[in-house]
């Protein structure tokens, strides 16, 4: 009998948060965001900090010394290829 509510792996939530951050940074709005503003916009400040760290290590975003982040060319290209699929 299959589970009524299958449990999600914790990394699935982080993947979704990283995807949301990339889509936010490559959207039609502002090209550069503060980490605090992203946390408020996505309503998960702690999750956003983890997502920013992962995306920065993957080379999809850059971070300034002042704490602002913006999408790299690789992130823009990924969104062009994949689209904004959730």
N, C-alpha and C. Protein backbone atom coordinates (compact mmCIF):
# COMPACT_ATOMS: atom_id res chain seq x y z
N UNK A 1 0.84 -1.16 0.00
CA UNK A 1 0.00 0.00 0.00
C UNK A 1 0.90 1.24 0.00
N UNK A 2 0.74 2.11 -0.97
CA UNK A 2 1.58 3.30 -1.03
C UNK A 2 1.25 4.26 0.12
N UNK A 3 2.26 5.03 0.47
CA UNK A 3 2.07 6.03 1.53
C UNK A 3 1.05 7.07 1.10
N UNK A 4 0.23 7.47 2.05
CA UNK A 4 -0.73 8.54 1.79
C UNK A 4 -0.01 9.86 1.55
N UNK A 5 0.98 10.14 2.40
CA UNK A 5 1.77 11.36 2.27
C UNK A 5 3.24 10.97 2.21
N UNK A 6 3.81 10.85 1.03
CA UNK A 6 5.23 10.50 0.96
C UNK A 6 6.07 11.62 1.54
N UNK A 7 7.12 11.24 2.26
CA UNK A 7 7.99 12.25 2.84
C UNK A 7 8.96 12.76 1.79
N UNK A 8 9.22 14.04 1.87
CA UNK A 8 10.16 14.64 0.94
C UNK A 8 11.55 14.65 1.56
N UNK A 9 12.52 14.50 0.73
CA UNK A 9 13.90 14.60 1.18
C UNK A 9 14.18 16.09 1.45
N UNK A 10 14.92 16.41 2.51
CA UNK A 10 15.18 17.82 2.82
C UNK A 10 15.82 18.60 1.68
N UNK A 11 16.60 17.93 0.84
CA UNK A 11 17.26 18.62 -0.27
C UNK A 11 16.26 19.08 -1.32
N UNK A 12 15.09 18.45 -1.39
CA UNK A 12 14.09 18.87 -2.37
C UNK A 12 13.60 20.28 -2.08
N UNK A 13 13.47 20.63 -0.80
CA UNK A 13 13.07 21.98 -0.44
C UNK A 13 14.14 22.99 -0.80
N UNK A 14 15.40 22.63 -0.60
CA UNK A 14 16.50 23.51 -0.95
C UNK A 14 16.59 23.69 -2.46
N UNK A 15 16.38 22.63 -3.22
CA UNK A 15 16.38 22.74 -4.69
C UNK A 15 15.31 23.70 -5.16
N UNK A 16 14.13 23.60 -4.58
CA UNK A 16 13.02 24.49 -4.95
C UNK A 16 13.37 25.93 -4.60
N UNK A 17 13.99 26.15 -3.44
CA UNK A 17 14.36 27.50 -3.03
C UNK A 17 15.43 28.06 -3.97
N UNK A 18 16.42 27.25 -4.33
CA UNK A 18 17.45 27.71 -5.27
C UNK A 18 16.83 28.08 -6.61
N UNK A 19 15.90 27.28 -7.08
CA UNK A 19 15.22 27.57 -8.34
C UNK A 19 14.46 28.88 -8.26
N UNK A 20 13.76 29.12 -7.15
CA UNK A 20 13.02 30.36 -6.97
C UNK A 20 13.95 31.57 -6.96
N UNK A 21 15.10 31.44 -6.31
CA UNK A 21 16.06 32.54 -6.26
C UNK A 21 16.59 32.84 -7.66
N UNK A 22 16.93 31.81 -8.42
CA UNK A 22 17.44 32.02 -9.79
C UNK A 22 16.36 32.70 -10.64
N UNK A 23 15.13 32.24 -10.54
CA UNK A 23 14.05 32.85 -11.31
C UNK A 23 13.82 34.29 -10.90
N UNK A 24 13.95 34.59 -9.62
CA UNK A 24 13.78 35.96 -9.14
C UNK A 24 14.87 36.86 -9.70
N UNK A 25 16.12 36.36 -9.69
CA UNK A 25 17.24 37.17 -10.16
C UNK A 25 17.29 37.32 -11.68
N UNK A 26 16.65 36.42 -12.40
CA UNK A 26 16.64 36.51 -13.86
C UNK A 26 15.30 37.00 -14.40
N UNK A 27 14.44 37.46 -13.52
CA UNK A 27 13.13 37.95 -13.94
C UNK A 27 13.22 39.35 -14.52
N UNK A 28 12.06 39.92 -14.76
CA UNK A 28 11.98 41.24 -15.37
C UNK A 28 12.13 42.38 -14.36
N UNK A 29 12.17 42.04 -13.07
CA UNK A 29 12.28 43.07 -12.04
C UNK A 29 13.72 43.54 -11.91
N UNK A 30 14.17 43.73 -10.73
CA UNK A 30 15.52 44.23 -10.48
C UNK A 30 16.58 43.21 -10.85
N UNK A 31 17.71 43.64 -11.42
CA UNK A 31 18.77 42.69 -11.75
C UNK A 31 19.68 42.36 -10.57
N UNK A 32 19.61 43.18 -9.50
CA UNK A 32 20.46 42.96 -8.34
C UNK A 32 19.60 43.09 -7.09
N UNK A 33 19.78 42.16 -6.16
CA UNK A 33 18.97 42.11 -4.94
C UNK A 33 19.87 41.97 -3.73
N UNK A 34 19.38 42.45 -2.59
CA UNK A 34 20.05 42.14 -1.33
C UNK A 34 19.51 40.80 -0.84
N UNK A 35 20.30 40.10 -0.07
CA UNK A 35 19.88 38.80 0.44
C UNK A 35 18.67 38.97 1.36
N UNK A 36 18.64 40.05 2.12
CA UNK A 36 17.51 40.30 3.01
C UNK A 36 16.22 40.51 2.22
N UNK A 37 16.30 41.24 1.11
CA UNK A 37 15.11 41.47 0.28
C UNK A 37 14.61 40.17 -0.34
N UNK A 38 15.51 39.31 -0.76
CA UNK A 38 15.11 38.01 -1.32
C UNK A 38 14.42 37.18 -0.24
N UNK A 39 14.98 37.19 0.96
CA UNK A 39 14.38 36.46 2.07
C UNK A 39 12.97 36.94 2.38
N UNK A 40 12.77 38.26 2.35
CA UNK A 40 11.44 38.81 2.58
C UNK A 40 10.49 38.47 1.44
N UNK A 41 10.98 38.53 0.22
CA UNK A 41 10.13 38.26 -0.94
C UNK A 41 9.69 36.80 -0.98
N UNK A 42 10.60 35.89 -0.66
CA UNK A 42 10.28 34.46 -0.70
C UNK A 42 9.81 33.93 0.65
N UNK A 43 9.78 34.79 1.65
CA UNK A 43 9.26 34.47 2.99
C UNK A 43 9.99 33.31 3.67
N UNK A 44 11.31 33.24 3.48
CA UNK A 44 12.11 32.21 4.14
C UNK A 44 13.56 32.67 4.23
N UNK A 45 13.86 33.60 5.15
CA UNK A 45 15.23 34.15 5.21
C UNK A 45 16.31 33.09 5.44
N UNK A 46 16.05 32.11 6.29
CA UNK A 46 17.07 31.09 6.56
C UNK A 46 17.30 30.21 5.33
N UNK A 47 16.24 29.82 4.65
CA UNK A 47 16.36 29.00 3.45
C UNK A 47 17.06 29.74 2.32
N UNK A 48 16.82 31.03 2.23
CA UNK A 48 17.44 31.83 1.17
C UNK A 48 18.94 31.89 1.36
N UNK A 49 19.40 32.02 2.59
CA UNK A 49 20.85 32.07 2.82
C UNK A 49 21.53 30.78 2.39
N UNK A 50 20.90 29.64 2.66
CA UNK A 50 21.44 28.36 2.22
C UNK A 50 21.42 28.26 0.70
N UNK A 51 20.33 28.73 0.08
CA UNK A 51 20.21 28.68 -1.37
C UNK A 51 21.26 29.58 -2.03
N UNK A 52 21.48 30.76 -1.47
CA UNK A 52 22.48 31.69 -2.00
C UNK A 52 23.86 31.05 -1.96
N UNK A 53 24.16 30.40 -0.86
CA UNK A 53 25.47 29.74 -0.73
C UNK A 53 25.65 28.66 -1.80
N UNK A 54 24.63 27.85 -1.99
CA UNK A 54 24.71 26.79 -2.99
C UNK A 54 24.81 27.32 -4.40
N UNK A 55 24.03 28.35 -4.71
CA UNK A 55 24.06 28.93 -6.05
C UNK A 55 25.38 29.64 -6.32
N UNK A 56 25.93 30.29 -5.31
CA UNK A 56 27.23 30.95 -5.47
C UNK A 56 28.32 29.92 -5.72
N UNK A 57 28.28 28.80 -4.98
CA UNK A 57 29.27 27.74 -5.18
C UNK A 57 29.12 27.07 -6.54
N UNK A 58 27.90 27.04 -7.07
CA UNK A 58 27.66 26.44 -8.38
C UNK A 58 27.98 27.39 -9.53
N UNK A 59 28.27 28.65 -9.23
CA UNK A 59 28.60 29.62 -10.27
C UNK A 59 27.39 30.22 -10.95
N UNK A 60 26.23 30.15 -10.32
CA UNK A 60 25.02 30.71 -10.93
C UNK A 60 24.70 32.12 -10.46
N UNK A 61 25.29 32.54 -9.35
CA UNK A 61 25.12 33.92 -8.90
C UNK A 61 26.46 34.44 -8.40
N UNK A 62 26.58 35.76 -8.42
CA UNK A 62 27.73 36.44 -7.84
C UNK A 62 27.23 37.28 -6.68
N UNK A 63 28.10 37.50 -5.70
CA UNK A 63 27.74 38.29 -4.53
C UNK A 63 28.78 39.38 -4.34
N UNK A 64 28.29 40.60 -4.10
CA UNK A 64 29.19 41.72 -3.86
C UNK A 64 29.61 41.73 -2.40
N UNK A 65 30.58 42.57 -2.07
CA UNK A 65 31.03 42.70 -0.69
C UNK A 65 29.94 43.27 0.21
N UNK A 66 29.03 44.02 -0.36
CA UNK A 66 27.95 44.64 0.42
C UNK A 66 26.79 43.68 0.67
N UNK A 67 26.85 42.49 0.11
CA UNK A 67 25.79 41.51 0.33
C UNK A 67 24.73 41.46 -0.75
N UNK A 68 24.95 42.13 -1.85
CA UNK A 68 23.99 42.07 -2.96
C UNK A 68 24.34 40.90 -3.87
N UNK A 69 23.34 40.31 -4.50
CA UNK A 69 23.56 39.18 -5.39
C UNK A 69 22.92 39.46 -6.75
N UNK A 70 23.50 38.86 -7.77
CA UNK A 70 22.95 38.97 -9.12
C UNK A 70 23.31 37.72 -9.90
N UNK A 71 22.50 37.44 -10.91
CA UNK A 71 22.67 36.21 -11.70
C UNK A 71 23.87 36.33 -12.63
N UNK A 72 24.57 35.22 -12.81
CA UNK A 72 25.67 35.16 -13.77
C UNK A 72 25.11 34.86 -15.16
N UNK A 73 25.97 34.93 -16.14
CA UNK A 73 25.54 34.59 -17.50
C UNK A 73 25.08 33.14 -17.58
N UNK A 74 25.71 32.27 -16.80
CA UNK A 74 25.31 30.86 -16.79
C UNK A 74 23.88 30.71 -16.29
N UNK A 75 23.50 31.48 -15.28
CA UNK A 75 22.13 31.41 -14.76
C UNK A 75 21.13 31.90 -15.81
N UNK A 76 21.46 32.99 -16.49
CA UNK A 76 20.57 33.51 -17.54
C UNK A 76 20.41 32.47 -18.64
N UNK A 77 21.50 31.83 -19.02
CA UNK A 77 21.44 30.82 -20.08
C UNK A 77 20.63 29.60 -19.63
N UNK A 78 20.79 29.19 -18.36
CA UNK A 78 20.03 28.07 -17.85
C UNK A 78 18.53 28.35 -17.92
N UNK A 79 18.13 29.55 -17.56
CA UNK A 79 16.71 29.92 -17.61
C UNK A 79 16.24 29.98 -19.06
N UNK A 80 17.08 30.41 -19.98
CA UNK A 80 16.71 30.41 -21.39
C UNK A 80 16.48 29.00 -21.89
N UNK A 81 17.33 28.08 -21.51
CA UNK A 81 17.24 26.70 -21.98
C UNK A 81 16.07 25.97 -21.32
N UNK A 82 15.98 26.08 -20.00
CA UNK A 82 14.98 25.33 -19.25
C UNK A 82 13.64 26.04 -19.23
N UNK A 83 13.67 27.35 -19.16
CA UNK A 83 12.45 28.11 -18.95
C UNK A 83 12.16 28.16 -17.47
N UNK A 84 11.11 28.83 -17.11
CA UNK A 84 10.76 28.93 -15.70
C UNK A 84 9.75 27.86 -15.35
N UNK A 85 10.22 26.64 -15.28
CA UNK A 85 9.39 25.49 -14.97
C UNK A 85 9.48 25.22 -13.48
N UNK A 86 8.34 25.08 -12.87
CA UNK A 86 8.34 24.81 -11.42
C UNK A 86 7.90 23.40 -11.19
